[in-house]
């Protein structure tokens, strides 16, 4: 079976033909190049169209943003300085791949890139972005740690007329006023698709737990909503009996699952809102003497280790969340700074891994 993909109906198109053309161009740019895992790890990387992000089909009526509406002057991106703010420690494969994608695309385009890593501290991320502005960043790409609390950065960027593109997580602010575009997956839909996999794995009956992501960002909120809504709709006999944050971290995911096994020894399934927590759950189950498949695990991201977990039988399904934002982010900025219209929201397609395709598609995982 080929790697499957999902197409959502996003907010992502102004009525103007220019934005449709941009969406097509973004798709081509996303498919043109992929990024390897970092730090010399012995992990095969996906190549070509199979690895790159693809833009979901634009929905008529979506809103766009232009320089005239946002404020600012046209700019040749090749001669500009781009600032990139990463939110989390690069111990997570998603963040490694995301940062590498940004760096690779900047190098490919010959663009000067300034980078900062907040090390999972929100106060540091705010000061990081302010420092990038002070160092002369002409445009910003931000992977936010939290969705709220960005007012100091937005004011500083507006004063300098610096365009902002956010990736992966959304800032709670006004598009085409406080930032230009938000590029990400449909997180509610990811949660729904994870629920579909859990229903299939459990037969729609039993007790399941949710390992929640970090509090304070839209990813956790929306992945939780999608999962719960779909379970309520399609599998009312599948009871959610446990919810606790694992902070998107493997160690915390393992600790929480160890507590879960003690408090709910008859648990049938675990929905982990990212792969790292899911892999932590696998570690806890192994430590408790469980066998592959005793507890059904569904995760979201698409890291190589999680997909290998599907191959090995410890994980029943993985919904992809593609971290290779570089080509899309730079293409969006390039189009915008030349004075052309871009969508305020750009939604990407995500695939999925299950027992019938995980082994053959392992090479495309990150």
Foldseek 3Di string as FASTA:
>chain_A
DDFFWDADADLWDEQDVLAVVLLVVLQVLQQAFFFDQDDPDPAFADTGNLQGWHFHHYHYPRDWAACVLAPDAFDQQLAFEEEEEAEADPPDRLSRRLVRLQVVLCVVSNGHYHYDYQNNDQVSSQVSLVVVVVVHHQEYEYAHSAQDDNVVNLVSCVVVVHAYEYEAWHHPDDDNHSHPAYEWAQLLVQLQVLLVLVCVLQVLAFEEEEAFADPHTPNRVNSVNSNVVNNVVPRVRYHYDYYDYQNLAQCSLLVVLLVVCVVPVRAAEYEYAAQSSQNSNLVNCVVVVHDQSSHEYEYEAQALVSLVCQCVRNYFKYKHIRSSCNSSVVSQVNCRSNGHMYTRYTHTMITMHGNVCSVVCSSHGD
